Amino acid sequence: MKKMFLGGKVGIIAAGPGTKDLKDLLGQFHKGDGRGNVVMVRVNDDALARLDQLVEADLFGSRSECAAFLIGAGIASQKELFDRLGAHTDEIRKLKEQLRQVALDALKPRE
């Protein structure tokens, strides 16, 4: 087991056969600004056991690192969904702002 730099971030990568494939697979989720954001989640016993399996196999140094990988993999696997949603979220955001403005205008005291 050795630590390697992945996109400027330290990650745990297994040494041995298939190391390059594993490095490539894991490295794709270490791109960008790293893991500077904290998200607290609750998981069921099965999910926790799966995280622990990957950590115990020394594929990841911690549950947090493993969970970040799995979240990244899930997002990547649902790219089409997020692309489709993205087209509408800006529109929804604009409509919400318009609704807020209508409500504020209606609640202003009349002179």
PDB file of N, CA and C in Angstrom:
ATOM      1  N   MET A   1       0.846  -1.180   0.000  1.00  0.00           N
ATOM      2  CA  MET A   1       0.000   0.000   0.000  1.00  0.00           C
ATOM      3  C   MET A   1       0.886   1.234   0.000  1.00  0.00           C
ATOM      4  N   LYS A   2       0.544   2.189  -0.820  1.00  0.00           N
ATOM      5  CA  LYS A   2       1.313   3.420  -0.829  1.00  0.00           C
ATOM      6  C   LYS A   2       0.395   4.590  -1.107  1.00  0.00           C
ATOM      7  N   LYS A   3       0.851   5.756  -0.665  1.00  0.00           N
ATOM      8  CA  LYS A   3       0.101   6.978  -0.942  1.00  0.00           C
ATOM      9  C   LYS A   3       0.610   7.551  -2.246  1.00  0.00           C
ATOM     10  N   MET A   4      -0.328   8.002  -3.077  1.00  0.00           N
ATOM     11  CA  MET A   4       0.041   8.605  -4.354  1.00  0.00           C
ATOM     12  C   MET A   4      -0.720   9.910  -4.492  1.00  0.00           C
ATOM     13  N   PHE A   5      -0.170  10.816  -5.249  1.00  0.00           N
ATOM     14  CA  PHE A   5      -0.850  12.065  -5.503  1.00  0.00           C
ATOM     15  C   PHE A   5      -1.765  11.912  -6.703  1.00  0.00           C
ATOM     16  N   LEU A   6      -3.020  12.302  -6.526  1.00  0.00           N
ATOM     17  CA  LEU A   6      -4.012  12.229  -7.589  1.00  0.00           C
ATOM     18  C   LEU A   6      -4.536  13.640  -7.827  1.00  0.00           C
ATOM     19  N   GLY A   7      -4.130  14.238  -8.869  1.00  0.00           N
ATOM     20  CA  GLY A   7      -4.598  15.585  -9.164  1.00  0.00           C
ATOM     21  C   GLY A   7      -4.228  16.565  -8.065  1.00  0.00           C
ATOM     22  N   GLY A   8      -3.066  16.377  -7.443  1.00  0.00           N
ATOM     23  CA  GLY A   8      -2.632  17.288  -6.397  1.00  0.00           C
ATOM     24  C   GLY A   8      -3.141  16.913  -5.026  1.00  0.00           C
ATOM     25  N   LYS A   9      -3.951  15.889  -4.910  1.00  0.00           N
ATOM     26  CA  LYS A   9      -4.500  15.447  -3.633  1.00  0.00           C
ATOM     27  C   LYS A   9      -3.917  14.087  -3.296  1.00  0.00           C
ATOM     28  N   VAL A  10      -3.793  13.791  -2.036  1.00  0.00           N
ATOM     29  CA  VAL A  10      -3.268  12.500  -1.624  1.00  0.00           C
ATOM     30  C   VAL A  10      -4.409  11.499  -1.581  1.00  0.00           C
ATOM     31  N   GLY A  11      -4.190  10.329  -2.149  1.00  0.00           N
ATOM     32  CA  GLY A  11      -5.175   9.268  -2.094  1.00  0.00           C
ATOM     33  C   GLY A  11      -4.484   7.951  -1.833  1.00  0.00           C
ATOM     34  N   ILE A  12      -5.210   6.992  -1.327  1.00  0.00           N
ATOM     35  CA  ILE A  12      -4.646   5.681  -1.062  1.00  0.00           C
ATOM     36  C   ILE A  12      -4.898   4.803  -2.283  1.00  0.00           C
ATOM     37  N   ILE A  13      -3.847   4.205  -2.781  1.00  0.00           N
ATOM     38  CA  ILE A  13      -3.944   3.350  -3.956  1.00  0.00           C
ATOM     39  C   ILE A  13      -3.273   2.018  -3.630  1.00  0.00           C
ATOM     40  N   ALA A  14      -3.939   0.927  -3.957  1.00  0.00           N
ATOM     41  CA  ALA A  14      -3.366  -0.390  -3.730  1.00  0.00           C
ATOM     42  C   ALA A  14      -2.195  -0.613  -4.683  1.00  0.00           C
ATOM     43  N   ALA A  15      -1.150  -1.252  -4.186  1.00  0.00           N
ATOM     44  CA  ALA A  15      -0.010  -1.594  -5.019  1.00  0.00           C
ATOM     45  C   ALA A  15      -0.174  -3.024  -5.506  1.00  0.00           C
ATOM     46  N   GLY A  16       0.298  -3.305  -6.695  1.00  0.00           N
ATOM     47  CA  GLY A  16       0.228  -4.661  -7.209  1.00  0.00           C
ATOM     48  C   GLY A  16      -0.409  -4.684  -8.576  1.00  0.00           C
ATOM     49  N   PRO A  17      -0.779  -5.890  -9.045  1.00  0.00           N
ATOM     50  CA  PRO A  17      -1.390  -6.012 -10.370  1.00  0.00           C
ATOM     51  C   PRO A  17      -2.656  -5.166 -10.468  1.00  0.00           C
ATOM     52  N   GLY A  18      -2.811  -4.511 -11.575  1.00  0.00           N
ATOM     53  CA  GLY A  18      -4.006  -3.690 -11.773  1.00  0.00           C
ATOM     54  C   GLY A  18      -3.945  -2.329 -11.107  1.00  0.00           C
ATOM     55  N   THR A  19      -2.781  -1.962 -10.576  1.00  0.00           N
ATOM     56  CA  THR A  19      -2.664  -0.694  -9.862  1.00  0.00           C
ATOM     57  C   THR A  19      -2.994   0.488 -10.757  1.00  0.00           C
ATOM     58  N   LYS A  20      -2.519   0.471 -11.999  1.00  0.00           N
ATOM     59  CA  LYS A  20      -2.790   1.596 -12.898  1.00  0.00           C
ATOM     60  C   LYS A  20      -4.279   1.728 -13.160  1.00  0.00           C
ATOM     61  N   ASP A  21      -4.962   0.607 -13.397  1.00  0.00           N
ATOM     62  CA  ASP A  21      -6.405   0.653 -13.622  1.00  0.00           C
ATOM     63  C   ASP A  21      -7.128   1.208 -12.406  1.00  0.00           C
ATOM     64  N   LEU A  22      -6.719   0.762 -11.227  1.00  0.00           N
ATOM     65  CA  LEU A  22      -7.337   1.242  -9.997  1.00  0.00           C
ATOM     66  C   LEU A  22      -7.047   2.724  -9.797  1.00  0.00           C
ATOM     67  N   LYS A  23      -5.810   3.132 -10.059  1.00  0.00           N
ATOM     68  CA  LYS A  23      -5.435   4.539  -9.938  1.00  0.00           C
ATOM     69  C   LYS A  23      -6.289   5.398 -10.865  1.00  0.00           C
ATOM     70  N   ASP A  24      -6.468   4.937 -12.108  1.00  0.00           N
ATOM     71  CA  ASP A  24      -7.279   5.688 -13.063  1.00  0.00           C
ATOM     72  C   ASP A  24      -8.729   5.769 -12.600  1.00  0.00           C
ATOM     73  N   LEU A  25      -9.247   4.646 -12.122  1.00  0.00           N
ATOM     74  CA  LEU A  25     -10.632   4.604 -11.669  1.00  0.00           C
ATOM     75  C   LEU A  25     -10.856   5.540 -10.486  1.00  0.00           C
ATOM     76  N   LEU A  26      -9.998   5.448  -9.492  1.00  0.00           N
ATOM     77  CA  LEU A  26     -10.158   6.273  -8.305  1.00  0.00           C
ATOM     78  C   LEU A  26      -9.789   7.730  -8.569  1.00  0.00           C
ATOM     79  N   GLY A  27      -8.801   7.937  -9.415  1.00  0.00           N
ATOM     80  CA  GLY A  27      -8.316   9.289  -9.680  1.00  0.00           C
ATOM     81  C   GLY A  27      -9.344  10.195 -10.331  1.00  0.00           C
ATOM     82  N   GLN A  28     -10.270   9.626 -11.078  1.00  0.00           N
ATOM     83  CA  GLN A  28     -11.252  10.467 -11.761  1.00  0.00           C
ATOM     84  C   GLN A  28     -12.168  11.187 -10.777  1.00  0.00           C
ATOM     85  N   PHE A  29     -12.226  10.724  -9.532  1.00  0.00           N
ATOM     86  CA  PHE A  29     -13.082  11.365  -8.540  1.00  0.00           C
ATOM     87  C   PHE A  29     -12.302  12.263  -7.599  1.00  0.00           C
ATOM     88  N   HIS A  30     -11.008  12.462  -7.882  1.00  0.00           N
ATOM     89  CA  HIS A  30     -10.177  13.342  -7.070  1.00  0.00           C
ATOM     90  C   HIS A  30      -9.822  14.610  -7.831  1.00  0.00           C
ATOM     91  N   LYS A  31     -10.552  14.894  -8.896  1.00  0.00           N
ATOM     92  CA  LYS A  31     -10.273  16.068  -9.714  1.00  0.00           C
ATOM     93  C   LYS A  31     -10.887  17.306  -9.076  1.00  0.00           C
ATOM     94  N   GLY A  32     -10.449  18.450  -9.514  1.00  0.00           N
ATOM     95  CA  GLY A  32     -11.058  19.698  -9.076  1.00  0.00           C
ATOM     96  C   GLY A  32     -10.447  20.196  -7.783  1.00  0.00           C
ATOM     97  N   ASP A  33     -11.288  20.779  -6.960  1.00  0.00           N
ATOM     98  CA  ASP A  33     -10.832  21.429  -5.738  1.00  0.00           C
ATOM     99  C   ASP A  33     -10.667  20.471  -4.566  1.00  0.00           C
ATOM    100  N   GLY A  34     -10.789  19.190  -4.801  1.00  0.00           N
ATOM    101  CA  GLY A  34     -10.610  18.248  -3.716  1.00  0.00           C
ATOM    102  C   GLY A  34     -11.880  18.066  -2.906  1.00  0.00           C
ATOM    103  N   ARG A  35     -11.684  17.757  -1.649  1.00  0.00           N
ATOM    104  CA  ARG A  35     -12.818  17.452  -0.789  1.00  0.00           C
ATOM    105  C   ARG A  35     -12.929  18.496   0.315  1.00  0.00           C
ATOM    106  N   GLY A  36     -13.091  19.736  -0.036  1.00  0.00           N
ATOM    107  CA  GLY A  36     -13.158  20.812   0.940  1.00  0.00           C
ATOM    108  C   GLY A  36     -14.522  21.008   1.561  1.00  0.00           C
ATOM    109  N   ASN A  37     -15.526  20.341   1.062  1.00  0.00           N
ATOM    110  CA  ASN A  37     -16.884  20.495   1.587  1.00  0.00           C
ATOM    111  C   ASN A  37     -17.236  19.312   2.476  1.00  0.00           C
ATOM    112  N   VAL A  38     -17.946  19.613   3.561  1.00  0.00           N
ATOM    113  CA  VAL A  38     -18.349  18.575   4.495  1.00  0.00           C
ATOM    114  C   VAL A  38     -19.845  18.340   4.353  1.00  0.00           C
ATOM    115  N   VAL A  39     -20.211  17.068   4.227  1.00  0.00           N
ATOM    116  CA  VAL A  39     -21.618  16.671   4.167  1.00  0.00           C
ATOM    117  C   VAL A  39     -21.804  15.546   5.180  1.00  0.00           C
ATOM    118  N   MET A  40     -22.678  15.748   6.124  1.00  0.00           N
ATOM    119  CA  MET A  40     -22.964  14.714   7.119  1.00  0.00           C
ATOM    120  C   MET A  40     -24.115  13.865   6.598  1.00  0.00           C
ATOM    121  N   VAL A  41     -23.930  12.556   6.577  1.00  0.00           N
ATOM    122  CA  VAL A  41     -24.985  11.665   6.107  1.00  0.00           C
ATOM    123  C   VAL A  41     -25.158  10.512   7.091  1.00  0.00           C
ATOM    124  N   ARG A  42     -26.348   9.979   7.113  1.00  0.00           N
ATOM    125  CA  ARG A  42     -26.621   8.758   7.865  1.00  0.00           C
ATOM    126  C   ARG A  42     -26.785   7.650   6.838  1.00  0.00           C
ATOM    127  N   VAL A  43     -26.208   6.498   7.115  1.00  0.00           N
ATOM    128  CA  VAL A  43     -26.317   5.360   6.216  1.00  0.00           C
ATOM    129  C   VAL A  43     -26.829   4.154   6.992  1.00  0.00           C
ATOM    130  N   ASN A  44     -27.431   3.224   6.269  1.00  0.00           N
ATOM    131  CA  ASN A  44     -27.919   2.020   6.929  1.00  0.00           C
ATOM    132  C   ASN A  44     -26.756   1.054   7.165  1.00  0.00           C
ATOM    133  N   ASP A  45     -27.037  -0.033   7.862  1.00  0.00           N
ATOM    134  CA  ASP A  45     -25.994  -0.991   8.235  1.00  0.00           C
ATOM    135  C   ASP A  45     -25.313  -1.602   7.012  1.00  0.00           C
ATOM    136  N   ASP A  46     -26.089  -1.891   5.969  1.00  0.00           N
ATOM    137  CA  ASP A  46     -25.511  -2.490   4.768  1.00  0.00           C
ATOM    138  C   ASP A  46     -24.541  -1.532   4.090  1.00  0.00           C
ATOM    139  N   ALA A  47     -24.929  -0.278   3.960  1.00  0.00           N
ATOM    140  CA  ALA A  47     -24.053   0.710   3.325  1.00  0.00           C
ATOM    141  C   ALA A  47     -22.769   0.882   4.136  1.00  0.00           C
ATOM    142  N   LEU A  48     -22.893   0.912   5.464  1.00  0.00           N
ATOM    143  CA  LEU A  48     -21.715   1.046   6.316  1.00  0.00           C
ATOM    144  C   LEU A  48     -20.798  -0.161   6.162  1.00  0.00           C
ATOM    145  N   ALA A  49     -21.381  -1.345   6.076  1.00  0.00           N
ATOM    146  CA  ALA A  49     -20.574  -2.554   5.888  1.00  0.00           C
ATOM    147  C   ALA A  49     -19.833  -2.499   4.556  1.00  0.00           C
ATOM    148  N   ARG A  50     -20.486  -1.973   3.526  1.00  0.00           N
ATOM    149  CA  ARG A  50     -19.833  -1.858   2.206  1.00  0.00           C
ATOM    150  C   ARG A  50     -18.684  -0.860   2.256  1.00  0.00           C
ATOM    151  N   LEU A  51     -18.891   0.266   2.927  1.00  0.00           N
ATOM    152  CA  LEU A  51     -17.810   1.241   3.084  1.00  0.00           C
ATOM    153  C   LEU A  51     -16.630   0.590   3.805  1.00  0.00           C
ATOM    154  N   ASP A  52     -16.945  -0.119   4.887  1.00  0.00           N
ATOM    155  CA  ASP A  52     -15.895  -0.757   5.665  1.00  0.00           C
ATOM    156  C   ASP A  52     -15.149  -1.814   4.853  1.00  0.00           C
ATOM    157  N   GLN A  53     -15.851  -2.519   3.970  1.00  0.00           N
ATOM    158  CA  GLN A  53     -15.183  -3.506   3.115  1.00  0.00           C
ATOM    159  C   GLN A  53     -14.106  -2.842   2.271  1.00  0.00           C
ATOM    160  N   LEU A  54     -14.440  -1.717   1.672  1.00  0.00           N
ATOM    161  CA  LEU A  54     -13.487  -1.024   0.805  1.00  0.00           C
ATOM    162  C   LEU A  54     -12.320  -0.446   1.604  1.00  0.00           C
ATOM    163  N   VAL A  55     -12.608   0.041   2.806  1.00  0.00           N
ATOM    164  CA  VAL A  55     -11.546   0.569   3.665  1.00  0.00           C
ATOM    165  C   VAL A  55     -10.652  -0.571   4.146  1.00  0.00           C
ATOM    166  N   GLU A  56     -11.261  -1.669   4.567  1.00  0.00           N
ATOM    167  CA  GLU A  56     -10.484  -2.816   5.049  1.00  0.00           C
ATOM    168  C   GLU A  56      -9.642  -3.433   3.936  1.00  0.00           C
ATOM    169  N   ALA A  57     -10.088  -3.315   2.700  1.00  0.00           N
ATOM    170  CA  ALA A  57      -9.305  -3.808   1.561  1.00  0.00           C
ATOM    171  C   ALA A  57      -8.186  -2.839   1.196  1.00  0.00           C
ATOM    172  N   ASP A  58      -8.047  -1.778   1.973  1.00  0.00           N
ATOM    173  CA  ASP A  58      -7.015  -0.750   1.768  1.00  0.00           C
ATOM    174  C   ASP A  58      -7.148  -0.035   0.433  1.00  0.00           C
ATOM    175  N   LEU A  59      -8.365   0.032  -0.086  1.00  0.00           N
ATOM    176  CA  LEU A  59      -8.601   0.828  -1.288  1.00  0.00           C
ATOM    177  C   LEU A  59      -8.759   2.291  -0.933  1.00  0.00           C
ATOM    178  N   PHE A  60      -9.176   2.551   0.307  1.00  0.00           N
ATOM    179  CA  PHE A  60      -9.356   3.911   0.805  1.00  0.00           C
ATOM    180  C   PHE A  60      -8.800   3.988   2.214  1.00  0.00           C
ATOM    181  N   GLY A  61      -8.386   5.175   2.597  1.00  0.00           N
ATOM    182  CA  GLY A  61      -7.822   5.365   3.918  1.00  0.00           C
ATOM    183  C   GLY A  61      -8.847   5.611   4.994  1.00  0.00           C
ATOM    184  N   SER A  62     -10.082   5.902   4.602  1.00  0.00           N
ATOM    185  CA  SER A  62     -11.109   6.204   5.600  1.00  0.00           C
ATOM    186  C   SER A  62     -12.493   6.006   4.992  1.00  0.00           C
ATOM    187  N   ARG A  63     -13.480   5.947   5.863  1.00  0.00           N
ATOM    188  CA  ARG A  63     -14.867   5.882   5.393  1.00  0.00           C
ATOM    189  C   ARG A  63     -15.220   7.133   4.608  1.00  0.00           C
ATOM    190  N   SER A  64     -14.719   8.273   5.065  1.00  0.00           N
ATOM    191  CA  SER A  64     -15.009   9.540   4.401  1.00  0.00           C
ATOM    192  C   SER A  64     -14.490   9.537   2.967  1.00  0.00           C
ATOM    193  N   GLU A  65     -13.251   9.104   2.797  1.00  0.00           N
ATOM    194  CA  GLU A  65     -12.665   9.049   1.453  1.00  0.00           C
ATOM    195  C   GLU A  65     -13.449   8.086   0.570  1.00  0.00           C
ATOM    196  N   CYS A  66     -13.851   6.966   1.132  1.00  0.00           N
ATOM    197  CA  CYS A  66     -14.624   5.971   0.398  1.00  0.00           C
ATOM    198  C   CYS A  66     -15.991   6.524   0.004  1.00  0.00           C
ATOM    199  N   ALA A  67     -16.664   7.165   0.955  1.00  0.00           N
ATOM    200  CA  ALA A  67     -17.982   7.735   0.674  1.00  0.00           C
ATOM    201  C   ALA A  67     -17.886   8.814  -0.413  1.00  0.00           C
ATOM    202  N   ALA A  68     -16.837   9.631  -0.366  1.00  0.00           N
ATOM    203  CA  ALA A  68     -16.651  10.664  -1.386  1.00  0.00           C
ATOM    204  C   ALA A  68     -16.489  10.022  -2.764  1.00  0.00           C
ATOM    205  N   PHE A  69     -15.729   8.933  -2.824  1.00  0.00           N
ATOM    206  CA  PHE A  69     -15.566   8.214  -4.081  1.00  0.00           C
ATOM    207  C   PHE A  69     -16.909   7.704  -4.585  1.00  0.00           C
ATOM    208  N   LEU A  70     -17.681   7.058  -3.709  1.00  0.00           N
ATOM    209  CA  LEU A  70     -18.952   6.475  -4.123  1.00  0.00           C
ATOM    210  C   LEU A  70     -19.956   7.544  -4.553  1.00  0.00           C
ATOM    211  N   ILE A  71     -19.950   8.677  -3.885  1.00  0.00           N
ATOM    212  CA  ILE A  71     -20.823   9.787  -4.298  1.00  0.00           C
ATOM    213  C   ILE A  71     -20.401  10.263  -5.687  1.00  0.00           C
ATOM    214  N   GLY A  72     -19.105  10.451  -5.886  1.00  0.00           N
ATOM    215  CA  GLY A  72     -18.608  10.876  -7.193  1.00  0.00           C
ATOM    216  C   GLY A  72     -18.952   9.877  -8.283  1.00  0.00           C
ATOM    217  N   ALA A  73     -18.813   8.585  -7.963  1.00  0.00           N
ATOM    218  CA  ALA A  73     -19.139   7.545  -8.948  1.00  0.00           C
ATOM    219  C   ALA A  73     -20.632   7.557  -9.264  1.00  0.00           C
ATOM    220  N   GLY A  74     -21.458   7.775  -8.246  1.00  0.00           N
ATOM    221  CA  GLY A  74     -22.904   7.832  -8.471  1.00  0.00           C
ATOM    222  C   GLY A  74     -23.298   9.015  -9.335  1.00  0.00           C
ATOM    223  N   ILE A  75     -22.699  10.154  -9.073  1.00  0.00           N
ATOM    224  CA  ILE A  75     -22.984  11.347  -9.878  1.00  0.00           C
ATOM    225  C   ILE A  75     -22.531  11.130 -11.318  1.00  0.00           C
ATOM    226  N   ALA A  76     -21.341  10.559 -11.476  1.00  0.00           N
ATOM    227  CA  ALA A  76     -20.827  10.296 -12.829  1.00  0.00           C
ATOM    228  C   ALA A  76     -21.727   9.318 -13.575  1.00  0.00           C
ATOM    229  N   SER A  77     -22.251   8.339 -12.867  1.00  0.00           N
ATOM    230  CA  SER A  77     -23.093   7.339 -13.537  1.00  0.00           C
ATOM    231  C   SER A  77     -24.463   7.897 -13.906  1.00  0.00           C
ATOM    232  N   GLN A  78     -24.835   9.015 -13.308  1.00  0.00           N
ATOM    233  CA  GLN A  78     -26.131   9.634 -13.593  1.00  0.00           C
ATOM    234  C   GLN A  78     -25.973  10.962 -14.338  1.00  0.00           C
ATOM    235  N   LYS A  79     -24.916  11.069 -15.129  1.00  0.00           N
ATOM    236  CA  LYS A  79     -24.622  12.309 -15.859  1.00  0.00           C
ATOM    237  C   LYS A  79     -25.808  12.786 -16.689  1.00  0.00           C
ATOM    238  N   GLU A  80     -26.462  11.870 -17.384  1.00  0.00           N
ATOM    239  CA  GLU A  80     -27.596  12.255 -18.222  1.00  0.00           C
ATOM    240  C   GLU A  80     -28.713  12.882 -17.385  1.00  0.00           C
ATOM    241  N   LEU A  81     -28.982  12.310 -16.233  1.00  0.00           N
ATOM    242  CA  LEU A  81     -30.003  12.864 -15.340  1.00  0.00           C
ATOM    243  C   LEU A  81     -29.656  14.291 -14.942  1.00  0.00           C
ATOM    244  N   PHE A  82     -28.409  14.503 -14.500  1.00  0.00           N
ATOM    245  CA  PHE A  82     -28.009  15.840 -14.064  1.00  0.00           C
ATOM    246  C   PHE A  82     -27.976  16.833 -15.220  1.00  0.00           C
ATOM    247  N   ASP A  83     -27.625  16.370 -16.406  1.00  0.00           N
ATOM    248  CA  ASP A  83     -27.658  17.243 -17.579  1.00  0.00           C
ATOM    249  C   ASP A  83     -29.093  17.693 -17.867  1.00  0.00           C
ATOM    250  N   ARG A  84     -30.021  16.757 -17.787  1.00  0.00           N
ATOM    251  CA  ARG A  84     -31.424  17.088 -18.049  1.00  0.00           C
ATOM    252  C   ARG A  84     -31.988  18.005 -16.972  1.00  0.00           C
ATOM    253  N   LEU A  85     -31.642  17.738 -15.717  1.00  0.00           N
ATOM    254  CA  LEU A  85     -32.121  18.588 -14.625  1.00  0.00           C
ATOM    255  C   LEU A  85     -31.534  19.991 -14.710  1.00  0.00           C
ATOM    256  N   GLY A  86     -30.259  20.064 -15.097  1.00  0.00           N
ATOM    257  CA  GLY A  86     -29.588  21.357 -15.165  1.00  0.00           C
ATOM    258  C   GLY A  86     -30.278  22.326 -16.097  1.00  0.00           C
ATOM    259  N   ALA A  87     -30.870  21.808 -17.141  1.00  0.00           N
ATOM    260  CA  ALA A  87     -31.571  22.666 -18.097  1.00  0.00           C
ATOM    261  C   ALA A  87     -32.781  23.340 -17.459  1.00  0.00           C
ATOM    262  N   HIS A  88     -33.315  22.723 -16.425  1.00  0.00           N
ATOM    263  CA  HIS A  88     -34.528  23.258 -15.806  1.00  0.00           C
ATOM    264  C   HIS A  88     -34.278  23.981 -14.479  1.00  0.00           C
ATOM    265  N   THR A  89     -33.195  23.678 -13.807  1.00  0.00           N
ATOM    266  CA  THR A  89     -32.981  24.286 -12.497  1.00  0.00           C
ATOM    267  C   THR A  89     -32.789  25.796 -12.587  1.00  0.00           C
ATOM    268  N   ASP A  90     -32.123  26.283 -13.616  1.00  0.00           N
ATOM    269  CA  ASP A  90     -31.964  27.730 -13.778  1.00  0.00           C
ATOM    270  C   ASP A  90     -33.321  28.395 -13.985  1.00  0.00           C
ATOM    271  N   GLU A  91     -34.150  27.765 -14.774  1.00  0.00           N
ATOM    272  CA  GLU A  91     -35.489  28.294 -15.026  1.00  0.00           C
ATOM    273  C   GLU A  91     -36.310  28.326 -13.727  1.00  0.00           C
ATOM    274  N   ILE A  92     -36.227  27.272 -12.952  1.00  0.00           N
ATOM    275  CA  ILE A  92     -36.953  27.204 -11.671  1.00  0.00           C
ATOM    276  C   ILE A  92     -36.445  28.272 -10.722  1.00  0.00           C
ATOM    277  N   ARG A  93     -35.137  28.463 -10.671  1.00  0.00           N
ATOM    278  CA  ARG A  93     -34.541  29.480  -9.804  1.00  0.00           C
ATOM    279  C   ARG A  93     -35.061  30.871 -10.173  1.00  0.00           C
ATOM    280  N   LYS A  94     -35.142  31.162 -11.465  1.00  0.00           N
ATOM    281  CA  LYS A  94     -35.638  32.468 -11.925  1.00  0.00           C
ATOM    282  C   LYS A  94     -37.110  32.656 -11.551  1.00  0.00           C
ATOM    283  N   LEU A  95     -37.902  31.595 -11.724  1.00  0.00           N
ATOM    284  CA  LEU A  95     -39.319  31.677 -11.361  1.00  0.00           C
ATOM    285  C   LEU A  95     -39.503  31.899  -9.867  1.00  0.00           C
ATOM    286  N   LYS A  96     -38.705  31.266  -9.054  1.00  0.00           N
ATOM    287  CA  LYS A  96     -38.786  31.463  -7.599  1.00  0.00           C
ATOM    288  C   LYS A  96     -38.457  32.902  -7.232  1.00  0.00           C
ATOM    289  N   GLU A  97     -37.459  33.454  -7.884  1.00  0.00           N
ATOM    290  CA  GLU A  97     -37.103  34.856  -7.614  1.00  0.00           C
ATOM    291  C   GLU A  97     -38.247  35.785  -8.010  1.00  0.00           C
ATOM    292  N   GLN A  98     -38.887  35.509  -9.142  1.00  0.00           N
ATOM    293  CA  GLN A  98     -40.031  36.313  -9.564  1.00  0.00           C
ATOM    294  C   GLN A  98     -41.166  36.198  -8.558  1.00  0.00           C
ATOM    295  N   LEU A  99     -41.420  34.995  -8.049  1.00  0.00           N
ATOM    296  CA  LEU A  99     -42.466  34.804  -7.037  1.00  0.00           C
ATOM    297  C   LEU A  99     -42.151  35.585  -5.762  1.00  0.00           C
ATOM    298  N   ARG A 100     -40.901  35.547  -5.332  1.00  0.00           N
ATOM    299  CA  ARG A 100     -40.501  36.313  -4.149  1.00  0.00           C
ATOM    300  C   ARG A 100     -40.749  37.800  -4.358  1.00  0.00           C
ATOM    301  N   GLN A 101     -40.405  38.276  -5.537  1.00  0.00           N
ATOM    302  CA  GLN A 101     -40.584  39.701  -5.814  1.00  0.00           C
ATOM    303  C   GLN A 101     -42.058  40.071  -5.832  1.00  0.00           C
ATOM    304  N   VAL A 102     -42.901  39.223  -6.421  1.00  0.00           N
ATOM    305  CA  VAL A 102     -44.347  39.465  -6.428  1.00  0.00           C
ATOM    306  C   VAL A 102     -44.871  39.525  -4.995  1.00  0.00           C
ATOM    307  N   ALA A 103     -44.422  38.587  -4.154  1.00  0.00           N
ATOM    308  CA  ALA A 103     -44.867  38.559  -2.750  1.00  0.00           C
ATOM    309  C   ALA A 103     -44.402  39.807  -2.019  1.00  0.00           C
ATOM    310  N   LEU A 104     -43.157  40.216  -2.218  1.00  0.00           N
ATOM    311  CA  LEU A 104     -42.657  41.415  -1.557  1.00  0.00           C
ATOM    312  C   LEU A 104     -43.428  42.649  -2.004  1.00  0.00           C
ATOM    313  N   ASP A 105     -43.696  42.748  -3.291  1.00  0.00           N
ATOM    314  CA  ASP A 105     -44.446  43.895  -3.805  1.00  0.00           C
ATOM    315  C   ASP A 105     -45.868  43.924  -3.216  1.00  0.00           C
ATOM    316  N   ALA A 106     -46.472  42.753  -3.088  1.00  0.00           N
ATOM    317  CA  ALA A 106     -47.823  42.691  -2.545  1.00  0.00           C
ATOM    318  C   ALA A 106     -47.865  43.022  -1.065  1.00  0.00           C
ATOM    319  N   LEU A 107     -46.795  42.756  -0.344  1.00  0.00           N
ATOM    320  CA  LEU A 107     -46.767  42.984   1.098  1.00  0.00           C
ATOM    321  C   LEU A 107     -46.290  44.379   1.492  1.00  0.00           C
ATOM    322  N   LYS A 108     -45.784  45.147   0.527  1.00  0.00           N
ATOM    323  CA  LYS A 108     -45.333  46.499   0.825  1.00  0.00           C
ATOM    324  C   LYS A 108     -46.519  47.355   1.251  1.00  0.00           C
ATOM    325  N   PRO A 109     -46.287  48.182   2.272  1.00  0.00           N
ATOM    326  CA  PRO A 109     -47.385  49.078   2.691  1.00  0.00           C
ATOM    327  C   PRO A 109     -47.722  50.058   1.564  1.00  0.00           C
ATOM    328  N   ARG A 110     -48.996  50.265   1.397  1.00  0.00           N
ATOM    329  CA  ARG A 110     -49.446  51.214   0.371  1.00  0.00           C
ATOM    330  C   ARG A 110     -49.536  52.592   0.987  1.00  0.00           C
ATOM    331  N   GLU A 111     -49.112  53.541   0.255  1.00  0.00           N
ATOM    332  CA  GLU A 111     -49.134  54.931   0.755  1.00  0.00           C
ATOM    333  C   GLU A 111     -50.368  55.652   0.372  1.00  0.00           C
TER     334      GLU A 111
END
